[in-house]
């Protein structure tokens, strides 16, 4: 009888694609490059040197993480980006 092997791939972590995009965007921003601030400092609203594209990614990541805690998503499912 043939042996059935299980796939060893793990399911993607929630919001993982947005997390990677956010990290890349912030590393390339002037806030981290020129000013030498940390990622947490650059994610704050009052931080200078962060592009509007990065701001949009920060907001999308926030919404994705928030949807994980929202009880309505139990019925509707997570929002796909």
PDB file of N, CA and C in Angstrom:
ATOM      1  N   UNK A   1       0.840  -1.171   0.000  1.00  0.00           N
ATOM      2  CA  UNK A   1       0.000   0.000   0.000  1.00  0.00           C
ATOM      3  C   UNK A   1       0.891   1.241   0.000  1.00  0.00           C
ATOM      4  N   UNK A   2       0.501   2.252  -0.753  1.00  0.00           N
ATOM      5  CA  UNK A   2       1.286   3.475  -0.866  1.00  0.00           C
ATOM      6  C   UNK A   2       1.181   4.294   0.411  1.00  0.00           C
ATOM      7  N   UNK A   3       2.300   4.861   0.784  1.00  0.00           N
ATOM      8  CA  UNK A   3       2.339   5.676   1.991  1.00  0.00           C
ATOM      9  C   UNK A   3       1.992   7.124   1.647  1.00  0.00           C
ATOM     10  N   UNK A   4       1.075   7.704   2.383  1.00  0.00           N
ATOM     11  CA  UNK A   4       0.650   9.080   2.140  1.00  0.00           C
ATOM     12  C   UNK A   4       1.478   9.995   3.031  1.00  0.00           C
ATOM     13  N   UNK A   5       2.147  10.937   2.404  1.00  0.00           N
ATOM     14  CA  UNK A   5       2.970  11.867   3.186  1.00  0.00           C
ATOM     15  C   UNK A   5       2.208  13.166   3.399  1.00  0.00           C
ATOM     16  N   UNK A   6       2.397  13.715   4.578  1.00  0.00           N
ATOM     17  CA  UNK A   6       1.757  14.991   4.886  1.00  0.00           C
ATOM     18  C   UNK A   6       2.618  16.121   4.350  1.00  0.00           C
ATOM     19  N   UNK A   7       1.970  17.178   3.914  1.00  0.00           N
ATOM     20  CA  UNK A   7       2.716  18.342   3.455  1.00  0.00           C
ATOM     21  C   UNK A   7       3.325  19.047   4.656  1.00  0.00           C
ATOM     22  N   UNK A   8       4.547  19.465   4.495  1.00  0.00           N
ATOM     23  CA  UNK A   8       5.242  20.104   5.610  1.00  0.00           C
ATOM     24  C   UNK A   8       5.134  21.620   5.580  1.00  0.00           C
ATOM     25  N   UNK A   9       4.382  22.157   4.635  1.00  0.00           N
ATOM     26  CA  UNK A   9       4.248  23.607   4.585  1.00  0.00           C
ATOM     27  C   UNK A   9       3.326  24.077   5.698  1.00  0.00           C
ATOM     28  N   UNK A  10       3.688  25.184   6.293  1.00  0.00           N
ATOM     29  CA  UNK A  10       2.859  25.745   7.350  1.00  0.00           C
ATOM     30  C   UNK A  10       1.952  26.809   6.759  1.00  0.00           C
ATOM     31  N   UNK A  11       0.777  26.981   7.320  1.00  0.00           N
ATOM     32  CA  UNK A  11      -0.113  28.019   6.804  1.00  0.00           C
ATOM     33  C   UNK A  11       0.483  29.400   7.049  1.00  0.00           C
ATOM     34  N   UNK A  12       0.140  30.307   6.177  1.00  0.00           N
ATOM     35  CA  UNK A  12       0.673  31.667   6.280  1.00  0.00           C
ATOM     36  C   UNK A  12       0.139  32.346   7.534  1.00  0.00           C
ATOM     37  N   UNK A  13       0.996  33.060   8.187  1.00  0.00           N
ATOM     38  CA  UNK A  13       0.603  33.802   9.375  1.00  0.00           C
ATOM     39  C   UNK A  13      -0.271  34.976   8.955  1.00  0.00           C
ATOM     40  N   UNK A  14      -1.246  35.290   9.772  1.00  0.00           N
ATOM     41  CA  UNK A  14      -2.146  36.386   9.454  1.00  0.00           C
ATOM     42  C   UNK A  14      -1.374  37.691   9.335  1.00  0.00           C
ATOM     43  N   UNK A  15      -1.684  38.456   8.330  1.00  0.00           N
ATOM     44  CA  UNK A  15      -1.094  39.774   8.077  1.00  0.00           C
ATOM     45  C   UNK A  15       0.401  39.716   7.780  1.00  0.00           C
ATOM     46  N   UNK A  16       0.924  38.542   7.434  1.00  0.00           N
ATOM     47  CA  UNK A  16       2.363  38.395   7.225  1.00  0.00           C
ATOM     48  C   UNK A  16       2.855  39.189   6.019  1.00  0.00           C
ATOM     49  N   UNK A  17       2.088  39.208   4.938  1.00  0.00           N
ATOM     50  CA  UNK A  17       2.503  39.947   3.744  1.00  0.00           C
ATOM     51  C   UNK A  17       2.569  41.447   4.039  1.00  0.00           C
ATOM     52  N   UNK A  18       1.589  41.946   4.773  1.00  0.00           N
ATOM     53  CA  UNK A  18       1.600  43.367   5.143  1.00  0.00           C
ATOM     54  C   UNK A  18       2.753  43.689   6.086  1.00  0.00           C
ATOM     55  N   UNK A  19       3.052  42.768   6.978  1.00  0.00           N
ATOM     56  CA  UNK A  19       4.154  42.972   7.917  1.00  0.00           C
ATOM     57  C   UNK A  19       5.484  43.111   7.164  1.00  0.00           C
ATOM     58  N   UNK A  20       5.715  42.226   6.195  1.00  0.00           N
ATOM     59  CA  UNK A  20       6.955  42.284   5.416  1.00  0.00           C
ATOM     60  C   UNK A  20       7.033  43.569   4.596  1.00  0.00           C
ATOM     61  N   UNK A  21       5.912  43.950   3.999  1.00  0.00           N
ATOM     62  CA  UNK A  21       5.872  45.187   3.216  1.00  0.00           C
ATOM     63  C   UNK A  21       6.147  46.402   4.103  1.00  0.00           C
ATOM     64  N   UNK A  22       5.583  46.401   5.296  1.00  0.00           N
ATOM     65  CA  UNK A  22       5.779  47.503   6.234  1.00  0.00           C
ATOM     66  C   UNK A  22       7.236  47.605   6.674  1.00  0.00           C
ATOM     67  N   UNK A  23       7.851  46.476   6.988  1.00  0.00           N
ATOM     68  CA  UNK A  23       9.250  46.474   7.417  1.00  0.00           C
ATOM     69  C   UNK A  23      10.146  47.004   6.306  1.00  0.00           C
ATOM     70  N   UNK A  24       9.924  46.532   5.076  1.00  0.00           N
ATOM     71  CA  UNK A  24      10.731  47.004   3.948  1.00  0.00           C
ATOM     72  C   UNK A  24      10.540  48.497   3.716  1.00  0.00           C
ATOM     73  N   UNK A  25       9.312  48.952   3.776  1.00  0.00           N
ATOM     74  CA  UNK A  25       9.018  50.363   3.536  1.00  0.00           C
ATOM     75  C   UNK A  25       9.677  51.245   4.594  1.00  0.00           C
ATOM     76  N   UNK A  26       9.582  50.838   5.856  1.00  0.00           N
ATOM     77  CA  UNK A  26      10.166  51.647   6.923  1.00  0.00           C
ATOM     78  C   UNK A  26      11.694  51.633   6.886  1.00  0.00           C
ATOM     79  N   UNK A  27      12.285  50.498   6.506  1.00  0.00           N
ATOM     80  CA  UNK A  27      13.748  50.444   6.404  1.00  0.00           C
ATOM     81  C   UNK A  27      14.271  51.362   5.306  1.00  0.00           C
ATOM     82  N   UNK A  28      13.482  51.561   4.259  1.00  0.00           N
ATOM     83  CA  UNK A  28      13.897  52.418   3.154  1.00  0.00           C
ATOM     84  C   UNK A  28      13.549  53.888   3.395  1.00  0.00           C
ATOM     85  N   UNK A  29      12.806  54.186   4.442  1.00  0.00           N
ATOM     86  CA  UNK A  29      12.373  55.565   4.693  1.00  0.00           C
ATOM     87  C   UNK A  29      13.515  56.408   5.260  1.00  0.00           C
ATOM     88  N   UNK A  30      13.384  57.715   5.094  1.00  0.00           N
ATOM     89  CA  UNK A  30      14.376  58.649   5.630  1.00  0.00           C
ATOM     90  C   UNK A  30      14.384  58.642   7.156  1.00  0.00           C
ATOM     91  N   UNK A  31      13.271  58.289   7.738  1.00  0.00           N
ATOM     92  CA  UNK A  31      13.154  58.274   9.195  1.00  0.00           C
ATOM     93  C   UNK A  31      14.183  57.322   9.805  1.00  0.00           C
ATOM     94  N   UNK A  32      14.331  56.150   9.238  1.00  0.00           N
ATOM     95  CA  UNK A  32      15.293  55.181   9.764  1.00  0.00           C
ATOM     96  C   UNK A  32      16.686  55.389   9.186  1.00  0.00           C
ATOM     97  N   UNK A  33      16.762  55.702   7.898  1.00  0.00           N
ATOM     98  CA  UNK A  33      18.072  55.844   7.253  1.00  0.00           C
ATOM     99  C   UNK A  33      18.825  57.073   7.746  1.00  0.00           C
ATOM    100  N   UNK A  34      18.219  58.230   7.588  1.00  0.00           N
ATOM    101  CA  UNK A  34      18.913  59.485   7.895  1.00  0.00           C
ATOM    102  C   UNK A  34      18.840  59.858   9.373  1.00  0.00           C
ATOM    103  N   UNK A  35      17.650  59.707   9.958  1.00  0.00           N
ATOM    104  CA  UNK A  35      17.458  60.132  11.343  1.00  0.00           C
ATOM    105  C   UNK A  35      17.927  59.090  12.350  1.00  0.00           C
ATOM    106  N   UNK A  36      18.026  57.823  11.930  1.00  0.00           N
ATOM    107  CA  UNK A  36      18.494  56.764  12.818  1.00  0.00           C
ATOM    108  C   UNK A  36      17.505  56.380  13.903  1.00  0.00           C
ATOM    109  N   UNK A  37      16.229  56.602  13.657  1.00  0.00           N
ATOM    110  CA  UNK A  37      15.205  56.262  14.642  1.00  0.00           C
ATOM    111  C   UNK A  37      14.860  54.776  14.548  1.00  0.00           C
ATOM    112  N   UNK A  38      14.208  54.273  15.581  1.00  0.00           N
ATOM    113  CA  UNK A  38      13.771  52.881  15.575  1.00  0.00           C
ATOM    114  C   UNK A  38      12.481  52.756  14.774  1.00  0.00           C
ATOM    115  N   UNK A  39      12.107  51.515  14.486  1.00  0.00           N
ATOM    116  CA  UNK A  39      10.895  51.281  13.711  1.00  0.00           C
ATOM    117  C   UNK A  39       9.658  51.760  14.474  1.00  0.00           C
ATOM    118  N   UNK A  40       9.638  51.547  15.768  1.00  0.00           N
ATOM    119  CA  UNK A  40       8.516  51.996  16.587  1.00  0.00           C
ATOM    120  C   UNK A  40       8.348  53.504  16.578  1.00  0.00           C
ATOM    121  N   UNK A  41       9.471  54.214  16.608  1.00  0.00           N
ATOM    122  CA  UNK A  41       9.419  55.674  16.563  1.00  0.00           C
ATOM    123  C   UNK A  41       8.934  56.164  15.206  1.00  0.00           C
ATOM    124  N   UNK A  42       9.319  55.466  14.141  1.00  0.00           N
ATOM    125  CA  UNK A  42       8.903  55.872  12.796  1.00  0.00           C
ATOM    126  C   UNK A  42       7.429  55.570  12.530  1.00  0.00           C
ATOM    127  N   UNK A  43       6.843  54.646  13.273  1.00  0.00           N
ATOM    128  CA  UNK A  43       5.437  54.300  13.061  1.00  0.00           C
ATOM    129  C   UNK A  43       4.485  55.296  13.718  1.00  0.00           C
ATOM    130  N   UNK A  44       4.991  56.161  14.568  1.00  0.00           N
ATOM    131  CA  UNK A  44       4.136  57.147  15.227  1.00  0.00           C
ATOM    132  C   UNK A  44       3.692  58.206  14.234  1.00  0.00           C
ATOM    133  N   UNK A  45       2.542  58.813  14.506  1.00  0.00           N
ATOM    134  CA  UNK A  45       1.958  59.801  13.591  1.00  0.00           C
ATOM    135  C   UNK A  45       2.843  61.024  13.405  1.00  0.00           C
ATOM    136  N   UNK A  46       3.500  61.454  14.465  1.00  0.00           N
ATOM    137  CA  UNK A  46       4.262  62.694  14.387  1.00  0.00           C
ATOM    138  C   UNK A  46       5.673  62.517  13.826  1.00  0.00           C
ATOM    139  N   UNK A  47       6.053  61.303  13.420  1.00  0.00           N
ATOM    140  CA  UNK A  47       7.399  61.055  12.887  1.00  0.00           C
ATOM    141  C   UNK A  47       7.550  61.661  11.492  1.00  0.00           C
ATOM    142  N   UNK A  48       8.668  62.335  11.279  1.00  0.00           N
ATOM    143  CA  UNK A  48       8.975  62.920   9.976  1.00  0.00           C
ATOM    144  C   UNK A  48       9.798  61.927   9.161  1.00  0.00           C
ATOM    145  N   UNK A  49       9.756  62.086   7.848  1.00  0.00           N
ATOM    146  CA  UNK A  49      10.570  61.257   6.973  1.00  0.00           C
ATOM    147  C   UNK A  49       9.918  59.963   6.539  1.00  0.00           C
ATOM    148  N   UNK A  50       8.630  59.798   6.813  1.00  0.00           N
ATOM    149  CA  UNK A  50       7.910  58.590   6.413  1.00  0.00           C
ATOM    150  C   UNK A  50       6.966  58.968   5.279  1.00  0.00           C
ATOM    151  N   UNK A  51       7.047  58.235   4.173  1.00  0.00           N
ATOM    152  CA  UNK A  51       6.238  58.563   2.996  1.00  0.00           C
ATOM    153  C   UNK A  51       4.766  58.237   3.222  1.00  0.00           C
ATOM    154  N   UNK A  52       3.919  58.782   2.374  1.00  0.00           N
ATOM    155  CA  UNK A  52       2.486  58.501   2.470  1.00  0.00           C
ATOM    156  C   UNK A  52       2.202  57.038   2.142  1.00  0.00           C
ATOM    157  N   UNK A  53       3.040  56.435   1.303  1.00  0.00           N
ATOM    158  CA  UNK A  53       2.877  55.008   1.000  1.00  0.00           C
ATOM    159  C   UNK A  53       3.102  54.168   2.260  1.00  0.00           C
ATOM    160  N   UNK A  54       4.116  54.523   3.025  1.00  0.00           N
ATOM    161  CA  UNK A  54       4.375  53.818   4.283  1.00  0.00           C
ATOM    162  C   UNK A  54       3.249  54.060   5.284  1.00  0.00           C
ATOM    163  N   UNK A  55       2.732  55.276   5.313  1.00  0.00           N
ATOM    164  CA  UNK A  55       1.610  55.581   6.212  1.00  0.00           C
ATOM    165  C   UNK A  55       0.396  54.719   5.866  1.00  0.00           C
ATOM    166  N   UNK A  56       0.139  54.537   4.571  1.00  0.00           N
ATOM    167  CA  UNK A  56      -0.984  53.704   4.141  1.00  0.00           C
ATOM    168  C   UNK A  56      -0.749  52.247   4.528  1.00  0.00           C
ATOM    169  N   UNK A  57       0.488  51.786   4.427  1.00  0.00           N
ATOM    170  CA  UNK A  57       0.814  50.413   4.807  1.00  0.00           C
ATOM    171  C   UNK A  57       0.676  50.222   6.312  1.00  0.00           C
ATOM    172  N   UNK A  58       1.080  51.223   7.083  1.00  0.00           N
ATOM    173  CA  UNK A  58       0.920  51.159   8.541  1.00  0.00           C
ATOM    174  C   UNK A  58      -0.556  51.027   8.897  1.00  0.00           C
ATOM    175  N   UNK A  59      -1.396  51.818   8.237  1.00  0.00           N
ATOM    176  CA  UNK A  59      -2.830  51.773   8.513  1.00  0.00           C
ATOM    177  C   UNK A  59      -3.431  50.428   8.097  1.00  0.00           C
ATOM    178  N   UNK A  60      -3.011  49.904   6.947  1.00  0.00           N
ATOM    179  CA  UNK A  60      -3.516  48.607   6.488  1.00  0.00           C
ATOM    180  C   UNK A  60      -3.116  47.497   7.451  1.00  0.00           C
ATOM    181  N   UNK A  61      -1.888  47.556   7.948  1.00  0.00           N
ATOM    182  CA  UNK A  61      -1.427  46.560   8.916  1.00  0.00           C
ATOM    183  C   UNK A  61      -2.229  46.667  10.209  1.00  0.00           C
ATOM    184  N   UNK A  62      -2.498  47.889  10.641  1.00  0.00           N
ATOM    185  CA  UNK A  62      -3.313  48.114  11.835  1.00  0.00           C
ATOM    186  C   UNK A  62      -4.709  47.520  11.658  1.00  0.00           C
ATOM    187  N   UNK A  63      -5.320  47.767  10.507  1.00  0.00           N
ATOM    188  CA  UNK A  63      -6.664  47.246  10.245  1.00  0.00           C
ATOM    189  C   UNK A  63      -6.667  45.721  10.191  1.00  0.00           C
ATOM    190  N   UNK A  64      -5.641  45.136   9.618  1.00  0.00           N
ATOM    191  CA  UNK A  64      -5.541  43.683   9.550  1.00  0.00           C
ATOM    192  C   UNK A  64      -5.429  43.090  10.951  1.00  0.00           C
ATOM    193  N   UNK A  65      -4.571  43.664  11.776  1.00  0.00           N
ATOM    194  CA  UNK A  65      -4.414  43.172  13.147  1.00  0.00           C
ATOM    195  C   UNK A  65      -5.697  43.378  13.954  1.00  0.00           C
ATOM    196  N   UNK A  66      -6.364  44.490  13.724  1.00  0.00           N
ATOM    197  CA  UNK A  66      -7.612  44.769  14.429  1.00  0.00           C
ATOM    198  C   UNK A  66      -8.695  43.774  14.044  1.00  0.00           C
ATOM    199  N   UNK A  67      -8.719  43.386  12.762  1.00  0.00           N
ATOM    200  CA  UNK A  67      -9.746  42.448  12.308  1.00  0.00           C
ATOM    201  C   UNK A  67      -9.573  41.074  12.943  1.00  0.00           C
ATOM    202  N   UNK A  68      -8.372  40.767  13.410  1.00  0.00           N
ATOM    203  CA  UNK A  68      -8.147  39.483  14.070  1.00  0.00           C
ATOM    204  C   UNK A  68      -8.844  39.425  15.424  1.00  0.00           C
ATOM    205  N   UNK A  69      -9.031  40.583  16.055  1.00  0.00           N
ATOM    206  CA  UNK A  69      -9.670  40.640  17.368  1.00  0.00           C
ATOM    207  C   UNK A  69     -11.167  40.903  17.291  1.00  0.00           C
ATOM    208  N   UNK A  70     -11.642  41.320  16.140  1.00  0.00           N
ATOM    209  CA  UNK A  70     -13.046  41.669  15.961  1.00  0.00           C
ATOM    210  C   UNK A  70     -13.886  40.394  15.898  1.00  0.00           C
ATOM    211  N   UNK A  71     -14.876  40.310  16.745  1.00  0.00           N
ATOM    212  CA  UNK A  71     -15.701  39.100  16.799  1.00  0.00           C
ATOM    213  C   UNK A  71     -16.557  38.913  15.550  1.00  0.00           C
ATOM    214  N   UNK A  72     -16.813  39.983  14.809  1.00  0.00           N
ATOM    215  CA  UNK A  72     -17.595  39.854  13.582  1.00  0.00           C
ATOM    216  C   UNK A  72     -16.864  39.035  12.532  1.00  0.00           C
ATOM    217  N   UNK A  73     -15.528  39.024  12.609  1.00  0.00           N
ATOM    218  CA  UNK A  73     -14.763  38.269  11.612  1.00  0.00           C
ATOM    219  C   UNK A  73     -14.925  36.766  11.790  1.00  0.00           C
ATOM    220  N   UNK A  74     -15.414  36.348  12.935  1.00  0.00           N
ATOM    221  CA  UNK A  74     -15.694  34.922  13.112  1.00  0.00           C
ATOM    222  C   UNK A  74     -16.733  34.460  12.106  1.00  0.00           C
ATOM    223  N   UNK A  75     -17.654  35.336  11.763  1.00  0.00           N
ATOM    224  CA  UNK A  75     -18.716  34.984  10.832  1.00  0.00           C
ATOM    225  C   UNK A  75     -18.385  35.378   9.402  1.00  0.00           C
ATOM    226  N   UNK A  76     -17.732  36.497   9.231  1.00  0.00           N
ATOM    227  CA  UNK A  76     -17.449  37.017   7.889  1.00  0.00           C
ATOM    228  C   UNK A  76     -16.111  36.554   7.338  1.00  0.00           C
ATOM    229  N   UNK A  77     -15.188  36.195   8.196  1.00  0.00           N
ATOM    230  CA  UNK A  77     -13.848  35.825   7.761  1.00  0.00           C
ATOM    231  C   UNK A  77     -12.944  37.037   7.710  1.00  0.00           C
ATOM    232  N   UNK A  78     -11.632  36.785   7.668  1.00  0.00           N
ATOM    233  CA  UNK A  78     -10.668  37.875   7.612  1.00  0.00           C
ATOM    234  C   UNK A  78     -10.710  38.553   6.266  1.00  0.00           C
ATOM    235  N   UNK A  79     -10.409  39.843   6.264  1.00  0.00           N
ATOM    236  CA  UNK A  79     -10.334  40.598   5.018  1.00  0.00           C
ATOM    237  C   UNK A  79      -9.044  40.235   4.308  1.00  0.00           C
ATOM    238  N   UNK A  80      -9.143  39.913   3.046  1.00  0.00           N
ATOM    239  CA  UNK A  80      -7.955  39.625   2.254  1.00  0.00           C
ATOM    240  C   UNK A  80      -7.447  40.912   1.651  1.00  0.00           C
ATOM    241  N   UNK A  81      -6.157  41.053   1.621  1.00  0.00           N
ATOM    242  CA  UNK A  81      -5.547  42.283   1.111  1.00  0.00           C
ATOM    243  C   UNK A  81      -5.194  42.122  -0.336  1.00  0.00           C
TER     244      UNK A  81
END
